Protein backbone atom coordinates (compact mmCIF):
# COMPACT_ATOMS: atom_id res chain seq x y z
CA MET A 1 -13.92 23.88 3.09
CA LYS A 2 -11.37 21.09 2.57
CA PRO A 3 -8.83 21.62 -0.25
CA SER A 4 -8.99 19.45 -3.33
CA ILE A 5 -6.17 17.11 -4.23
CA ARG A 6 -4.85 19.63 -6.73
CA GLN A 7 -4.82 22.39 -4.07
CA LEU A 8 -2.80 20.54 -1.42
CA ASN A 9 0.44 22.32 -0.52
CA VAL A 10 3.71 20.46 -0.43
CA PHE A 11 4.95 19.83 3.10
CA SER A 12 8.62 20.27 3.92
CA GLY A 13 10.43 17.00 4.49
CA LEU A 14 7.95 15.31 2.14
CA LEU A 15 8.20 11.64 1.32
CA SER A 16 5.81 10.84 -1.48
CA GLY A 17 4.69 7.80 -3.40
CA CYS A 18 1.70 6.40 -5.17
CA ILE A 19 0.04 3.16 -6.13
CA PHE A 20 -1.93 2.79 -9.34
CA LEU A 21 -4.24 -0.19 -9.72
CA ALA A 22 -5.81 -0.60 -13.12
CA ALA A 23 -8.56 -3.04 -13.88
CA CYS A 24 -11.59 -3.04 -16.32
CA GLY A 25 -12.77 -0.36 -18.70
CA ASP A 26 -11.52 1.38 -21.75
CA ALA A 27 -7.80 2.11 -21.57
CA SER A 28 -8.47 5.63 -22.82
CA ASN A 29 -9.97 6.40 -19.41
CA SER A 30 -6.53 5.84 -17.83
CA SER A 31 -5.33 9.44 -17.97
CA ALA A 32 -4.48 12.12 -15.45
CA GLU A 33 -7.76 13.96 -16.11
CA ASN A 34 -9.57 11.20 -14.25
CA THR A 35 -8.38 12.72 -10.96
CA LYS A 36 -10.95 15.51 -11.35
CA ALA A 37 -13.71 15.52 -8.75
CA GLU A 38 -16.48 14.22 -11.02
CA GLY A 39 -18.42 10.99 -11.16
CA PRO A 40 -20.54 8.71 -9.03
CA LYS A 41 -21.48 9.31 -5.41
CA ILE A 42 -18.83 8.61 -2.77
CA SER A 43 -20.41 7.85 0.60
CA PHE A 44 -19.33 6.35 3.92
CA VAL A 45 -20.83 3.85 6.33
CA LYS A 46 -19.20 4.35 9.73
CA ASP A 47 -19.12 1.80 12.52
CA GLU A 48 -18.04 4.02 15.40
CA ALA A 49 -17.79 1.23 17.96
CA ASN A 50 -15.25 -0.69 15.85
CA LEU A 51 -13.54 2.31 14.23
CA LYS A 52 -14.43 1.00 10.80
CA VAL A 53 -15.55 2.84 7.68
CA ASP A 54 -16.92 1.27 4.50
CA VAL A 55 -16.27 3.43 1.45
CA MET A 56 -19.11 3.13 -1.05
CA VAL A 57 -19.32 4.17 -4.71
CA ASP A 58 -22.94 4.48 -5.82
CA GLY A 59 -23.85 2.14 -2.98
CA LYS A 60 -21.27 -0.55 -3.83
CA LEU A 61 -18.28 -1.35 -1.61
CA PHE A 62 -15.00 0.11 -2.80
CA THR A 63 -12.87 -0.53 0.29
CA SER A 64 -12.97 -0.54 4.08
CA TYR A 65 -10.67 1.09 6.60
CA TRP A 66 -10.43 -1.04 9.74
CA GLN A 67 -8.33 -3.35 11.87
CA PRO A 68 -9.56 -6.90 11.21
CA LEU A 69 -8.43 -9.69 13.54
CA ALA A 70 -7.00 -7.17 16.00
CA ASP A 71 -5.39 -9.98 18.02
CA SER A 72 -3.09 -10.87 15.10
CA ILE A 73 -3.15 -7.94 12.64
CA PHE A 74 -1.62 -5.10 14.61
CA LYS A 75 -2.42 -2.19 12.31
CA PRO A 76 -5.34 -0.61 10.46
CA VAL A 77 -5.57 -1.57 6.79
CA LEU A 78 -7.63 -0.98 3.69
CA TYR A 79 -9.28 -4.34 3.08
CA PRO A 80 -10.67 -5.43 0.71
CA ILE A 81 -9.94 -3.17 -2.26
CA ASN A 82 -12.32 -3.73 -5.18
CA THR A 83 -12.32 -2.73 -8.83
CA ALA A 84 -15.26 -0.85 -10.31
CA ALA A 85 -16.61 -4.25 -11.36
CA GLY A 86 -16.54 -5.44 -7.74
CA THR A 87 -13.49 -7.73 -8.08
CA ALA A 88 -11.20 -7.89 -5.05
CA ILE A 89 -7.58 -7.30 -6.02
CA THR A 90 -6.42 -7.99 -2.45
CA ARG A 91 -5.78 -11.47 -1.03
CA GLY A 92 -8.56 -12.84 1.20
CA TYR A 93 -6.43 -14.65 3.80
CA PRO A 94 -6.41 -14.43 6.78
CA VAL A 95 -9.67 -12.48 7.04
CA HIS A 96 -11.78 -14.28 4.42
CA SER A 97 -9.80 -17.10 2.82
CA ARG A 98 -10.50 -18.04 -0.78
CA GLU A 99 -9.97 -21.37 -2.46
CA GLY A 100 -6.50 -21.86 -3.92
CA GLU A 101 -4.74 -18.91 -2.28
CA ARG A 102 -1.63 -18.94 -0.10
CA HIS A 103 -1.73 -19.03 3.70
CA ASP A 104 1.68 -17.50 4.36
CA HIS A 105 2.67 -14.12 5.85
CA ARG A 106 -0.68 -13.49 7.54
CA HIS A 107 0.50 -9.98 8.51
CA GLN A 108 0.37 -9.04 4.80
CA THR A 109 -3.29 -8.10 4.71
CA GLY A 110 -4.89 -5.61 2.34
CA ASN A 111 -2.98 -2.35 1.96
CA TRP A 112 -0.87 -0.97 4.79
CA LEU A 113 1.86 1.43 5.85
CA THR A 114 4.36 0.02 8.36
CA TYR A 115 8.08 -0.69 8.79
CA GLY A 116 10.15 -3.55 10.14
CA ASP A 117 12.49 -1.71 12.55
CA VAL A 118 11.23 1.42 14.27
CA ASN A 119 13.25 2.09 17.42
CA GLY A 120 13.97 -1.65 17.46
CA SER A 121 10.33 -2.77 17.22
CA ASP A 122 8.91 -4.71 14.27
CA PHE A 123 5.76 -3.02 12.98
CA TRP A 124 5.92 -4.89 9.65
CA GLY A 125 5.95 -8.56 10.67
CA ASN A 126 4.13 -8.43 14.01
CA GLY A 127 1.44 -11.12 14.02
CA SER A 128 3.03 -13.22 11.29
CA ASN A 129 2.57 -16.35 13.43
CA GLY A 130 -0.98 -15.49 14.43
CA LYS A 131 -0.03 -13.80 17.69
CA ARG A 132 1.95 -10.83 18.96
CA SER A 133 5.70 -11.09 18.37
CA SER A 134 8.02 -10.51 21.32
CA ASN A 135 9.48 -7.44 19.62
CA GLY A 136 6.34 -6.49 17.72
CA GLY A 137 5.08 -2.94 17.37
CA GLU A 138 1.43 -1.99 16.98
CA ILE A 139 -0.31 0.84 15.13
CA LYS A 140 -3.43 1.56 17.15
CA PRO A 141 -6.26 3.44 15.42
CA LEU A 142 -7.75 6.22 17.56
CA SER A 143 -10.29 8.17 15.53
CA ILE A 144 -11.99 8.63 12.17
CA THR A 145 -13.26 12.14 11.51
CA ASP A 146 -14.09 14.66 8.78
CA LEU A 147 -16.05 12.23 6.64
CA THR A 148 -16.99 14.32 3.62
CA GLU A 149 -19.13 12.78 0.90
CA GLY A 150 -19.52 14.02 -2.65
CA ASN A 151 -20.01 13.29 -6.32
CA GLY A 152 -16.76 11.87 -7.63
CA GLU A 153 -14.77 12.53 -4.47
CA GLY A 154 -14.94 12.12 -0.70
CA HIS A 155 -12.41 12.20 2.07
CA MET A 156 -11.84 11.33 5.71
CA THR A 157 -9.17 11.83 8.37
CA THR A 158 -7.79 9.12 10.64
CA THR A 159 -5.50 9.32 13.65
CA SER A 160 -3.45 6.52 15.15
CA VAL A 161 -0.48 5.98 17.42
CA TRP A 162 2.56 3.73 16.89
CA LEU A 163 3.36 1.72 20.05
CA ASP A 164 6.67 -0.08 20.44
CA SER A 165 7.00 -3.60 21.84
CA THR A 166 6.80 -2.27 25.41
CA GLY A 167 3.65 -0.26 24.72
CA LYS A 168 5.44 3.09 24.62
CA GLU A 169 4.04 5.66 22.18
CA VAL A 170 6.75 6.58 19.67
CA LEU A 171 4.87 8.12 16.72
CA ASP A 172 1.61 9.92 16.13
CA GLU A 173 0.05 9.41 12.71
CA LYS A 174 -2.51 11.66 11.06
CA THR A 175 -3.72 10.47 7.68
CA VAL A 176 -6.14 11.97 5.18
CA PHE A 177 -7.67 9.54 2.69
CA TYR A 178 -9.20 10.86 -0.53
CA PHE A 179 -11.50 8.49 -2.43
CA ILE A 180 -12.22 9.33 -6.07
CA ALA A 181 -14.39 7.63 -8.68
CA LYS A 182 -15.01 8.36 -12.35
CA ASP A 183 -16.41 5.87 -14.83
CA SER A 184 -14.38 2.67 -14.32
CA ILE A 185 -11.62 4.48 -12.42
CA ARG A 186 -11.18 4.20 -8.65
CA ILE A 187 -8.52 6.23 -6.81
CA ILE A 188 -7.30 6.31 -3.22
CA ASP A 189 -4.96 9.13 -2.19
CA ARG A 190 -3.23 8.83 1.17
CA VAL A 191 -1.43 11.71 2.87
CA ALA A 192 0.11 10.52 6.14
CA THR A 193 2.10 12.60 8.61
CA LEU A 194 4.22 10.80 11.20
CA THR A 195 5.33 12.86 14.21
CA ALA A 196 7.98 11.69 16.68
CA LYS A 197 6.79 12.02 20.25
CA ASP A 198 9.18 12.25 23.23
CA GLY A 199 12.41 11.35 21.48
CA PRO A 200 14.02 10.67 18.11
CA VAL A 201 12.56 7.78 16.11
CA SER A 202 14.90 5.62 14.04
CA PHE A 203 14.03 3.58 10.96
CA LYS A 204 16.93 1.14 10.91
CA ASP A 205 17.81 -0.20 7.47
CA THR A 206 15.85 -3.37 6.61
CA LYS A 207 14.10 -4.79 3.57
CA GLU A 208 10.88 -5.22 5.60
CA GLY A 209 8.91 -2.19 4.48
CA SER A 210 7.05 -0.11 3.86
CA PHE A 211 3.94 0.86 1.84
CA GLY A 212 2.61 -2.47 0.66
CA ILE A 213 -0.28 -4.43 -0.71
CA ARG A 214 -0.83 -8.21 -0.83
CA VAL A 215 -2.62 -9.07 -4.04
CA ALA A 216 -5.03 -11.82 -4.97
CA ARG A 217 -3.61 -15.19 -6.07
CA GLN A 218 -4.44 -14.55 -9.75
CA LEU A 219 -2.15 -11.50 -9.79
CA GLU A 220 0.86 -13.38 -8.41
CA LEU A 221 3.66 -14.46 -10.72
CA PRO A 222 3.40 -18.16 -11.63
CA SER A 223 5.48 -20.01 -9.02
CA LYS A 224 8.17 -22.32 -10.37
CA GLU A 225 9.59 -23.81 -7.20
CA GLU A 226 9.48 -23.70 -3.42
CA VAL A 227 11.45 -20.86 -1.86
CA THR A 228 12.46 -20.12 1.75
CA LEU A 229 12.45 -16.46 2.81
CA THR A 230 13.73 -14.98 6.07
CA ASP A 231 12.54 -11.92 7.96
CA ALA A 232 14.72 -9.27 9.62
CA GLN A 233 15.26 -11.57 12.61
CA GLY A 234 16.30 -14.51 10.43
CA ASN A 235 13.06 -16.45 10.91
CA PRO A 236 12.37 -18.62 7.83
CA THR A 237 9.09 -18.84 5.95
CA VAL A 238 8.60 -21.43 3.21
CA VAL A 239 6.67 -20.19 0.17
CA LYS A 240 5.55 -23.30 -1.65
CA ALA A 241 5.23 -23.80 -5.38
CA MET A 242 1.55 -24.08 -6.31
CA ASN A 243 -0.78 -24.91 -9.16
CA ASN A 244 -0.47 -22.01 -11.59
CA GLU A 245 -3.90 -22.34 -13.19
CA GLY A 246 -5.40 -18.87 -13.50
CA VAL A 247 -2.23 -17.18 -12.20
CA SER A 248 -1.09 -14.53 -14.66
CA GLY A 249 0.81 -11.73 -12.93
CA ASN A 250 4.07 -10.18 -14.07
CA TYR A 251 6.15 -7.20 -12.97
CA ARG A 252 7.82 -4.61 -15.15
CA SER A 253 9.59 -1.47 -13.99
CA SER A 254 10.19 1.99 -15.38
CA GLU A 255 13.76 0.84 -16.00
CA GLY A 256 12.72 -2.14 -18.14
CA VAL A 257 13.34 -4.88 -15.57
CA GLN A 258 10.74 -7.68 -15.55
CA GLY A 259 9.55 -10.63 -13.49
CA ASP A 260 11.07 -11.65 -10.16
CA SER A 261 14.23 -9.73 -11.10
CA VAL A 262 12.58 -6.45 -10.04
CA TRP A 263 13.16 -7.29 -6.37
CA GLY A 264 15.77 -4.99 -4.83
CA THR A 265 16.04 -2.77 -7.91
CA ARG A 266 15.33 0.94 -8.06
CA ALA A 267 12.66 2.41 -10.30
CA LYS A 268 10.35 5.40 -10.59
CA TRP A 269 7.38 3.06 -10.94
CA MET A 270 6.57 -0.62 -10.96
CA ASP A 271 3.72 -2.28 -12.84
CA LEU A 272 2.11 -5.55 -11.75
CA TYR A 273 -0.27 -6.68 -14.47
CA GLY A 274 -2.43 -9.75 -15.01
CA ASN A 275 -6.05 -10.75 -15.05
CA ILE A 276 -8.70 -12.16 -12.74
CA GLY A 277 -11.01 -14.19 -14.92
CA ALA A 278 -11.77 -12.09 -17.98
CA GLU A 279 -10.88 -8.83 -16.25
CA ASN A 280 -7.49 -7.39 -17.19
CA ILE A 281 -5.82 -5.61 -14.28
CA SER A 282 -2.69 -3.51 -13.87
CA VAL A 283 -1.31 -2.47 -10.49
CA VAL A 284 1.25 0.32 -10.67
CA ILE A 285 3.06 1.84 -7.71
CA CYS A 286 4.77 5.16 -8.45
CA ASP A 287 7.54 6.84 -6.50
CA HIS A 288 7.84 10.64 -6.21
CA PRO A 289 10.90 12.80 -7.06
CA LYS A 290 10.79 14.39 -3.58
CA ASN A 291 10.70 10.99 -1.92
CA LEU A 292 13.50 9.68 0.25
CA SER A 293 15.86 7.50 -1.84
CA TYR A 294 14.12 8.36 -5.13
CA PRO A 295 13.92 6.30 -7.21
CA THR A 296 12.91 3.87 -4.48
CA TYR A 297 13.95 0.27 -3.88
CA TRP A 298 11.25 -2.35 -4.45
CA HIS A 299 10.45 -5.11 -1.98
CA ALA A 300 8.27 -6.79 -4.61
CA ARG A 301 7.94 -10.57 -4.57
CA GLY A 302 6.38 -12.99 -7.02
CA TYR A 303 4.12 -14.54 -4.36
CA GLY A 304 1.95 -11.41 -4.19
CA LEU A 305 3.77 -8.95 -1.95
CA PHE A 306 4.10 -5.62 -3.75
CA SER A 307 5.85 -2.94 -1.72
CA ALA A 308 7.93 0.22 -2.09
CA ASN A 309 10.66 0.66 0.54
CA PRO A 310 12.48 4.02 0.68
CA PHE A 311 14.04 3.26 4.08
CA GLY A 312 16.03 0.15 3.13
CA ALA A 313 19.18 -0.25 1.07
CA LYS A 314 21.52 -2.76 2.70
CA ASP A 315 19.66 -5.95 1.73
CA PHE A 316 18.91 -4.65 -1.75
CA THR A 317 22.54 -3.73 -2.47
CA LYS A 318 24.13 -6.74 -0.76
CA GLY A 319 25.71 -4.49 1.82
CA LYS A 320 27.19 -1.93 -0.55
CA GLU A 321 24.86 0.82 0.72
CA GLU A 322 23.11 1.42 4.03
CA LEU A 323 20.44 3.91 5.06
CA ASN A 324 19.37 4.50 8.66
CA PHE A 325 16.75 7.24 8.62
CA SER A 326 15.49 9.04 11.72
CA ILE A 327 12.92 11.65 12.73
CA PRO A 328 14.09 14.03 15.47
CA ALA A 329 12.02 14.47 18.62
CA GLY A 330 8.97 16.57 17.75
CA GLY A 331 9.78 16.37 14.05
CA SER A 332 7.48 15.09 11.33
CA LEU A 333 7.66 13.13 8.12
CA THR A 334 4.86 13.31 5.56
CA LEU A 335 4.23 10.39 3.22
CA ARG A 336 1.87 10.49 0.25
CA TYR A 337 0.62 7.57 -1.75
CA ARG A 338 -1.96 6.97 -4.42
CA ILE A 339 -3.87 3.89 -5.49
CA VAL A 340 -5.72 3.91 -8.81
CA ILE A 341 -7.95 1.04 -10.01
CA SER A 342 -9.65 0.79 -13.43
CA SER A 343 -11.32 -1.89 -15.67
CA GLY A 344 -10.33 -3.53 -19.09
CA ALA A 345 -6.88 -3.11 -20.61
CA HIS A 346 -3.37 -3.28 -19.18
CA LEU A 347 -1.72 0.12 -18.86
CA THR A 348 0.99 1.10 -21.33
CA ASP A 349 4.27 2.76 -20.40
CA ALA A 350 2.97 6.01 -21.87
CA GLN A 351 -0.13 5.93 -19.69
CA ILE A 352 1.90 5.10 -16.58
CA ASN A 353 4.34 7.90 -17.31
CA GLU A 354 1.41 10.30 -17.66
CA TYR A 355 0.18 9.34 -14.19
CA GLN A 356 3.74 9.53 -12.87
CA ASN A 357 4.32 13.01 -14.29
CA ASP A 358 0.94 14.25 -13.10
CA PHE A 359 1.62 12.97 -9.60
CA ALA A 360 5.09 14.54 -9.50
CA ALA A 361 3.72 17.91 -10.62
CA LYS A 362 1.01 18.02 -7.95
CA TYR A 363 3.13 17.50 -4.87
């Protein structure tokens, strides 16, 4: 019998984090007790030929694990991710474009776990121009097993391999996803173990990482002006100012920083809140006390990229600090993340701290 979330043992060398997405429903439902395995039926629809799984809650799509557009998105992702009301909080482009959204950074699709410099290969930005980059790394999904359905909770296990730009296998990844539903609450827990294969694996310091999500246009921060951003190789991307009608997002951190100023700061958690139509939504990513670089740096941008990066420091500190992490040959690193989605009111600091403290106590 598979252990529950509350029964999971802490791995040595643990790197932990979590994402909380809050959307419709009574704010009183946003408490740690909602992680209990109760609620509607979690079921799976597996497409073995395409290594895709649709995660259903009482027959309605919650999210899908797959690799869409495999010729330009070189990693498996969770896409889309829906609230209990069926609203997608992830951007549609480049898989299913929606009117009025941005068409930049096509590699930022759904929710993913990658990094921009792993043994010199770029797993983060590969495919940004619609094709494989010369130094691009690929995360190749291999299997989906242990699909276990249940009332309120289900889980599955995925395996994949990280291939560098030459096609060499550098990391094995084994991930267990736990999908939980109660009332208007939706939760995704991710426990991923990365194991170095034939030699040490380096994560050279860069801002391009690591556990990220690209949100829908309505959850972006209103754009004031055009901005040019560069990737780790110095390649520029222009993010244009756009019509801000219906755009309502804003960041705030556990340290009280708000707006675009959160980029490059450290915090225990970060809240992205706004609304899509009449549905109030909060998206909170939480770091874990046992995480590398806790409290983590945030690669969080106003144009909809929301990411925690424990591996980078140099860009965020303007060169004052530098972190070059590595996994020894045969060694492993375990990463844990959580995504929570609910319906109705924006989360308060007290509610977020309750989730943060609960998460820290479990792992």
